[in-house]
Each structure stands twice: as C-alpha cells, then as structure tokens.
Amino acid sequence: MEVIIKPKGPIVIDGPVTLRDPEGNEITPPPKQRAGRIKLCGCGRSKIRPFCDGSHKETDDQAV
C-alpha cells in the first residue's frame, strides 16, 4: 500500500485497504473510485466524504 498526499487535492491510497467508520463498519468506496485506488477528501468540501468528489478543483486552497 502507498499513501500519496496531494497538496491541493485528495489523499490517494494505492493498494488493498479496508476503511472502517468509528463503529468498525466497513465503508464501501463509491462506484467512481477504481479498485485498488481510493481517493479521500483532503479539502473538506466533498459531498461524498470521506471520499473525494473533485470539489478541490473549484478552489486554490491547500488541503486540510
């Protein structure tokens, strides 16, 4: 697994990983995310958090 933090974009996780919510339930990535690569929201603007929906493209802000 590799984690890439993009300064003005998502946090990209390449490789197999299981995401869980605070209660331990598995979080299924949305269909747009390809298998083996998950993009997590780094800007706080995504409507499908914790996943990235590309909202960071509408701002020049740095990721949070």
PDB file of N, CA and C in Angstrom:
ATOM      1  N   MET A   1       0.843  -1.170   0.000  1.00  0.00           N
ATOM      2  CA  MET A   1       0.000   0.000   0.000  1.00  0.00           C
ATOM      3  C   MET A   1       0.892   1.237   0.000  1.00  0.00           C
ATOM      4  N   GLU A   2       0.450   2.247  -0.727  1.00  0.00           N
ATOM      5  CA  GLU A   2       1.156   3.526  -0.773  1.00  0.00           C
ATOM      6  C   GLU A   2       0.132   4.636  -0.556  1.00  0.00           C
ATOM      7  N   VAL A   3       0.489   5.631   0.252  1.00  0.00           N
ATOM      8  CA  VAL A   3      -0.379   6.777   0.513  1.00  0.00           C
ATOM      9  C   VAL A   3       0.305   8.017  -0.055  1.00  0.00           C
ATOM     10  N   ILE A   4      -0.433   8.735  -0.909  1.00  0.00           N
ATOM     11  CA  ILE A   4       0.094   9.944  -1.537  1.00  0.00           C
ATOM     12  C   ILE A   4      -0.787  11.110  -1.100  1.00  0.00           C
ATOM     13  N   ILE A   5      -0.179  12.123  -0.485  1.00  0.00           N
ATOM     14  CA  ILE A   5      -0.920  13.302  -0.041  1.00  0.00           C
ATOM     15  C   ILE A   5      -0.633  14.426  -1.025  1.00  0.00           C
ATOM     16  N   LYS A   6      -1.666  14.808  -1.761  1.00  0.00           N
ATOM     17  CA  LYS A   6      -1.512  15.862  -2.763  1.00  0.00           C
ATOM     18  C   LYS A   6      -1.825  17.206  -2.109  1.00  0.00           C
ATOM     19  N   PRO A   7      -0.946  18.208  -2.256  1.00  0.00           N
ATOM     20  CA  PRO A   7      -1.117  19.484  -1.564  1.00  0.00           C
ATOM     21  C   PRO A   7      -2.429  20.204  -1.871  1.00  0.00           C
ATOM     22  N   LYS A   8      -2.933  20.100  -3.081  1.00  0.00           N
ATOM     23  CA  LYS A   8      -4.188  20.777  -3.442  1.00  0.00           C
ATOM     24  C   LYS A   8      -5.196  19.762  -3.957  1.00  0.00           C
ATOM     25  N   GLY A   9      -5.203  18.587  -3.364  1.00  0.00           N
ATOM     26  CA  GLY A   9      -6.105  17.552  -3.850  1.00  0.00           C
ATOM     27  C   GLY A   9      -6.351  16.476  -2.817  1.00  0.00           C
ATOM     28  N   PRO A  10      -6.707  15.290  -3.302  1.00  0.00           N
ATOM     29  CA  PRO A  10      -7.083  14.207  -2.406  1.00  0.00           C
ATOM     30  C   PRO A  10      -5.890  13.503  -1.768  1.00  0.00           C
ATOM     31  N   ILE A  11      -6.207  12.678  -0.813  1.00  0.00           N
ATOM     32  CA  ILE A  11      -5.254  11.738  -0.234  1.00  0.00           C
ATOM     33  C   ILE A  11      -5.502  10.441  -0.986  1.00  0.00           C
ATOM     34  N   VAL A  12      -4.512   9.982  -1.737  1.00  0.00           N
ATOM     35  CA  VAL A  12      -4.673   8.813  -2.597  1.00  0.00           C
ATOM     36  C   VAL A  12      -4.055   7.599  -1.913  1.00  0.00           C
ATOM     37  N   ILE A  13      -4.830   6.526  -1.835  1.00  0.00           N
ATOM     38  CA  ILE A  13      -4.343   5.270  -1.270  1.00  0.00           C
ATOM     39  C   ILE A  13      -4.309   4.253  -2.397  1.00  0.00           C
ATOM     40  N   ASP A  14      -3.102   3.819  -2.772  1.00  0.00           N
ATOM     41  CA  ASP A  14      -2.918   2.799  -3.798  1.00  0.00           C
ATOM     42  C   ASP A  14      -2.641   1.471  -3.118  1.00  0.00           C
ATOM     43  N   GLY A  15      -3.420   0.463  -3.480  1.00  0.00           N
ATOM     44  CA  GLY A  15      -3.224  -0.866  -2.917  1.00  0.00           C
ATOM     45  C   GLY A  15      -4.404  -1.280  -2.066  1.00  0.00           C
ATOM     46  N   PRO A  16      -4.404  -2.533  -1.664  1.00  0.00           N
ATOM     47  CA  PRO A  16      -5.538  -3.043  -0.888  1.00  0.00           C
ATOM     48  C   PRO A  16      -5.618  -2.409   0.499  1.00  0.00           C
ATOM     49  N   VAL A  17      -6.818  -1.966   0.847  1.00  0.00           N
ATOM     50  CA  VAL A  17      -7.049  -1.356   2.157  1.00  0.00           C
ATOM     51  C   VAL A  17      -8.534  -1.484   2.489  1.00  0.00           C
ATOM     52  N   THR A  18      -8.835  -1.622   3.761  1.00  0.00           N
ATOM     53  CA  THR A  18     -10.222  -1.645   4.223  1.00  0.00           C
ATOM     54  C   THR A  18     -10.439  -0.413   5.083  1.00  0.00           C
ATOM     55  N   LEU A  19     -11.430   0.390   4.722  1.00  0.00           N
ATOM     56  CA  LEU A  19     -11.767   1.578   5.508  1.00  0.00           C
ATOM     57  C   LEU A  19     -12.920   1.238   6.440  1.00  0.00           C
ATOM     58  N   ARG A  20     -12.855   1.741   7.674  1.00  0.00           N
ATOM     59  CA  ARG A  20     -13.903   1.481   8.654  1.00  0.00           C
ATOM     60  C   ARG A  20     -14.328   2.787   9.318  1.00  0.00           C
ATOM     61  N   ASP A  21     -15.621   2.861   9.665  1.00  0.00           N
ATOM     62  CA  ASP A  21     -16.135   4.021  10.389  1.00  0.00           C
ATOM     63  C   ASP A  21     -15.812   3.856  11.873  1.00  0.00           C
ATOM     64  N   PRO A  22     -16.124   4.855  12.711  1.00  0.00           N
ATOM     65  CA  PRO A  22     -15.784   4.771  14.137  1.00  0.00           C
ATOM     66  C   PRO A  22     -16.380   3.558  14.860  1.00  0.00           C
ATOM     67  N   GLU A  23     -17.475   3.002  14.329  1.00  0.00           N
ATOM     68  CA  GLU A  23     -18.096   1.829  14.956  1.00  0.00           C
ATOM     69  C   GLU A  23     -17.503   0.518  14.444  1.00  0.00           C
ATOM     70  N   GLY A  24     -16.569   0.595  13.495  1.00  0.00           N
ATOM     71  CA  GLY A  24     -15.929  -0.605  12.970  1.00  0.00           C
ATOM     72  C   GLY A  24     -16.582  -1.180  11.728  1.00  0.00           C
ATOM     73  N   ASN A  25     -17.609  -0.512  11.209  1.00  0.00           N
ATOM     74  CA  ASN A  25     -18.279  -0.979   9.993  1.00  0.00           C
ATOM     75  C   ASN A  25     -17.447  -0.623   8.768  1.00  0.00           C
ATOM     76  N   GLU A  26     -17.379  -1.549   7.818  1.00  0.00           N
ATOM     77  CA  GLU A  26     -16.626  -1.295   6.595  1.00  0.00           C
ATOM     78  C   GLU A  26     -17.316  -0.215   5.761  1.00  0.00           C
ATOM     79  N   ILE A  27     -16.512   0.691   5.215  1.00  0.00           N
ATOM     80  CA  ILE A  27     -17.013   1.760   4.355  1.00  0.00           C
ATOM     81  C   ILE A  27     -16.700   1.362   2.915  1.00  0.00           C
ATOM     82  N   THR A  28     -17.732   1.265   2.094  1.00  0.00           N
ATOM     83  CA  THR A  28     -17.562   0.888   0.694  1.00  0.00           C
ATOM     84  C   THR A  28     -17.328   2.132  -0.156  1.00  0.00           C
ATOM     85  N   PRO A  29     -16.249   2.145  -0.940  1.00  0.00           N
ATOM     86  CA  PRO A  29     -15.995   3.296  -1.811  1.00  0.00           C
ATOM     87  C   PRO A  29     -17.086   3.442  -2.869  1.00  0.00           C
ATOM     88  N   PRO A  30     -17.345   4.674  -3.327  1.00  0.00           N
ATOM     89  CA  PRO A  30     -18.346   4.874  -4.378  1.00  0.00           C
ATOM     90  C   PRO A  30     -17.894   4.219  -5.686  1.00  0.00           C
ATOM     91  N   PRO A  31     -18.837   3.910  -6.577  1.00  0.00           N
ATOM     92  CA  PRO A  31     -18.515   3.222  -7.827  1.00  0.00           C
ATOM     93  C   PRO A  31     -17.488   3.937  -8.709  1.00  0.00           C
ATOM     94  N   LYS A  32     -17.413   5.266  -8.631  1.00  0.00           N
ATOM     95  CA  LYS A  32     -16.462   6.007  -9.474  1.00  0.00           C
ATOM     96  C   LYS A  32     -15.001   5.738  -9.105  1.00  0.00           C
ATOM     97  N   GLN A  33     -14.756   5.278  -7.907  1.00  0.00           N
ATOM     98  CA  GLN A  33     -13.382   5.016  -7.475  1.00  0.00           C
ATOM     99  C   GLN A  33     -12.982   3.631  -7.987  1.00  0.00           C
ATOM    100  N   ARG A  34     -11.830   3.538  -8.633  1.00  0.00           N
ATOM    101  CA  ARG A  34     -11.434   2.255  -9.204  1.00  0.00           C
ATOM    102  C   ARG A  34     -10.829   1.351  -8.140  1.00  0.00           C
ATOM    103  N   ALA A  35     -10.953   0.066  -8.370  1.00  0.00           N
ATOM    104  CA  ALA A  35     -10.444  -0.922  -7.410  1.00  0.00           C
ATOM    105  C   ALA A  35      -8.942  -0.742  -7.211  1.00  0.00           C
ATOM    106  N   GLY A  36      -8.509  -0.820  -5.964  1.00  0.00           N
ATOM    107  CA  GLY A  36      -7.093  -0.701  -5.656  1.00  0.00           C
ATOM    108  C   GLY A  36      -6.585   0.721  -5.533  1.00  0.00           C
ATOM    109  N   ARG A  37      -7.461   1.708  -5.759  1.00  0.00           N
ATOM    110  CA  ARG A  37      -7.047   3.114  -5.617  1.00  0.00           C
ATOM    111  C   ARG A  37      -8.215   3.897  -5.042  1.00  0.00           C
ATOM    112  N   ILE A  38      -8.031   4.380  -3.832  1.00  0.00           N
ATOM    113  CA  ILE A  38      -9.072   5.143  -3.156  1.00  0.00           C
ATOM    114  C   ILE A  38      -8.582   6.577  -3.004  1.00  0.00           C
ATOM    115  N   LYS A  39      -9.477   7.528  -3.250  1.00  0.00           N
ATOM    116  CA  LYS A  39      -9.148   8.945  -3.067  1.00  0.00           C
ATOM    117  C   LYS A  39     -10.016   9.488  -1.942  1.00  0.00           C
ATOM    118  N   LEU A  40      -9.353   9.935  -0.879  1.00  0.00           N
ATOM    119  CA  LEU A  40     -10.053  10.523   0.259  1.00  0.00           C
ATOM    120  C   LEU A  40     -10.005  12.044   0.151  1.00  0.00           C
ATOM    121  N   CYS A  41     -11.064  12.689   0.615  1.00  0.00           N
ATOM    122  CA  CYS A  41     -11.155  14.143   0.558  1.00  0.00           C
ATOM    123  C   CYS A  41     -10.065  14.783   1.417  1.00  0.00           C
ATOM    124  N   GLY A  42      -9.342  15.721   0.825  1.00  0.00           N
ATOM    125  CA  GLY A  42      -8.321  16.446   1.557  1.00  0.00           C
ATOM    126  C   GLY A  42      -8.676  17.911   1.759  1.00  0.00           C
ATOM    127  N   CYS A  43      -9.794  18.358   1.136  1.00  0.00           N
ATOM    128  CA  CYS A  43     -10.148  19.777   1.205  1.00  0.00           C
ATOM    129  C   CYS A  43     -11.337  20.054   2.123  1.00  0.00           C
ATOM    130  N   GLY A  44     -12.101  19.017   2.471  1.00  0.00           N
ATOM    131  CA  GLY A  44     -13.260  19.193   3.335  1.00  0.00           C
ATOM    132  C   GLY A  44     -14.523  19.621   2.605  1.00  0.00           C
ATOM    133  N   ARG A  45     -14.471  19.742   1.277  1.00  0.00           N
ATOM    134  CA  ARG A  45     -15.621  20.217   0.507  1.00  0.00           C
ATOM    135  C   ARG A  45     -16.435  19.102  -0.156  1.00  0.00           C
ATOM    136  N   SER A  46     -15.941  17.887  -0.172  1.00  0.00           N
ATOM    137  CA  SER A  46     -16.608  16.783  -0.873  1.00  0.00           C
ATOM    138  C   SER A  46     -18.001  16.512  -0.320  1.00  0.00           C
ATOM    139  N   LYS A  47     -18.917  16.203  -1.217  1.00  0.00           N
ATOM    140  CA  LYS A  47     -20.275  15.835  -0.820  1.00  0.00           C
ATOM    141  C   LYS A  47     -20.394  14.336  -0.563  1.00  0.00           C
ATOM    142  N   ILE A  48     -19.321  13.584  -0.826  1.00  0.00           N
ATOM    143  CA  ILE A  48     -19.332  12.135  -0.588  1.00  0.00           C
ATOM    144  C   ILE A  48     -18.219  11.748   0.393  1.00  0.00           C
ATOM    145  N   ARG A  49     -17.959  12.632   1.356  1.00  0.00           N
ATOM    146  CA  ARG A  49     -16.907  12.367   2.340  1.00  0.00           C
ATOM    147  C   ARG A  49     -17.143  11.046   3.039  1.00  0.00           C
ATOM    148  N   PRO A  50     -16.099  10.302   3.314  1.00  0.00           N
ATOM    149  CA  PRO A  50     -14.693  10.698   3.337  1.00  0.00           C
ATOM    150  C   PRO A  50     -14.013  10.648   1.972  1.00  0.00           C
ATOM    151  N   PHE A  51     -14.751  10.321   0.909  1.00  0.00           N
ATOM    152  CA  PHE A  51     -14.160  10.175  -0.411  1.00  0.00           C
ATOM    153  C   PHE A  51     -14.144  11.499  -1.172  1.00  0.00           C
ATOM    154  N   CYS A  52     -13.209  11.618  -2.106  1.00  0.00           N
ATOM    155  CA  CYS A  52     -13.062  12.816  -2.926  1.00  0.00           C
ATOM    156  C   CYS A  52     -14.082  12.802  -4.058  1.00  0.00           C
ATOM    157  N   ASP A  53     -14.710  13.954  -4.317  1.00  0.00           N
ATOM    158  CA  ASP A  53     -15.612  14.091  -5.462  1.00  0.00           C
ATOM    159  C   ASP A  53     -15.101  15.141  -6.456  1.00  0.00           C
ATOM    160  N   GLY A  54     -13.874  15.615  -6.260  1.00  0.00           N
ATOM    161  CA  GLY A  54     -13.283  16.596  -7.165  1.00  0.00           C
ATOM    162  C   GLY A  54     -13.563  18.042  -6.796  1.00  0.00           C
ATOM    163  N   SER A  55     -14.231  18.279  -5.667  1.00  0.00           N
ATOM    164  CA  SER A  55     -14.571  19.648  -5.259  1.00  0.00           C
ATOM    165  C   SER A  55     -13.344  20.528  -5.067  1.00  0.00           C
ATOM    166  N   HIS A  56     -12.185  19.937  -4.789  1.00  0.00           N
ATOM    167  CA  HIS A  56     -10.958  20.715  -4.577  1.00  0.00           C
ATOM    168  C   HIS A  56     -10.559  21.487  -5.835  1.00  0.00           C
ATOM    169  N   LYS A  57     -11.045  21.058  -6.981  1.00  0.00           N
ATOM    170  CA  LYS A  57     -10.694  21.728  -8.238  1.00  0.00           C
ATOM    171  C   LYS A  57     -11.312  23.117  -8.340  1.00  0.00           C
ATOM    172  N   GLU A  58     -12.323  23.394  -7.505  1.00  0.00           N
ATOM    173  CA  GLU A  58     -13.024  24.675  -7.543  1.00  0.00           C
ATOM    174  C   GLU A  58     -12.382  25.734  -6.652  1.00  0.00           C
ATOM    175  N   THR A  59     -11.266  25.417  -6.009  1.00  0.00           N
ATOM    176  CA  THR A  59     -10.633  26.347  -5.077  1.00  0.00           C
ATOM    177  C   THR A  59      -9.119  26.295  -5.219  1.00  0.00           C
ATOM    178  N   ASP A  60      -8.446  27.322  -4.762  1.00  0.00           N
ATOM    179  CA  ASP A  60      -6.987  27.345  -4.759  1.00  0.00           C
ATOM    180  C   ASP A  60      -6.431  27.027  -3.379  1.00  0.00           C
ATOM    181  N   ASP A  61      -7.319  26.710  -2.429  1.00  0.00           N
ATOM    182  CA  ASP A  61      -6.894  26.421  -1.060  1.00  0.00           C
ATOM    183  C   ASP A  61      -6.020  25.176  -1.000  1.00  0.00           C
ATOM    184  N   GLN A  62      -5.173  25.124   0.011  1.00  0.00           N
ATOM    185  CA  GLN A  62      -4.399  23.922   0.299  1.00  0.00           C
ATOM    186  C   GLN A  62      -5.311  22.904   0.962  1.00  0.00           C
ATOM    187  N   ALA A  63      -4.945  21.642   0.885  1.00  0.00           N
ATOM    188  CA  ALA A  63      -5.710  20.597   1.567  1.00  0.00           C
ATOM    189  C   ALA A  63      -5.628  20.804   3.070  1.00  0.00           C
ATOM    190  N   VAL A  64      -6.652  20.301   3.787  1.00  0.00           N
ATOM    191  CA  VAL A  64      -6.683  20.446   5.246  1.00  0.00           C
ATOM    192  C   VAL A  64      -5.906  19.346   5.921  1.00  0.00           C
TER     193      VAL A  64
END
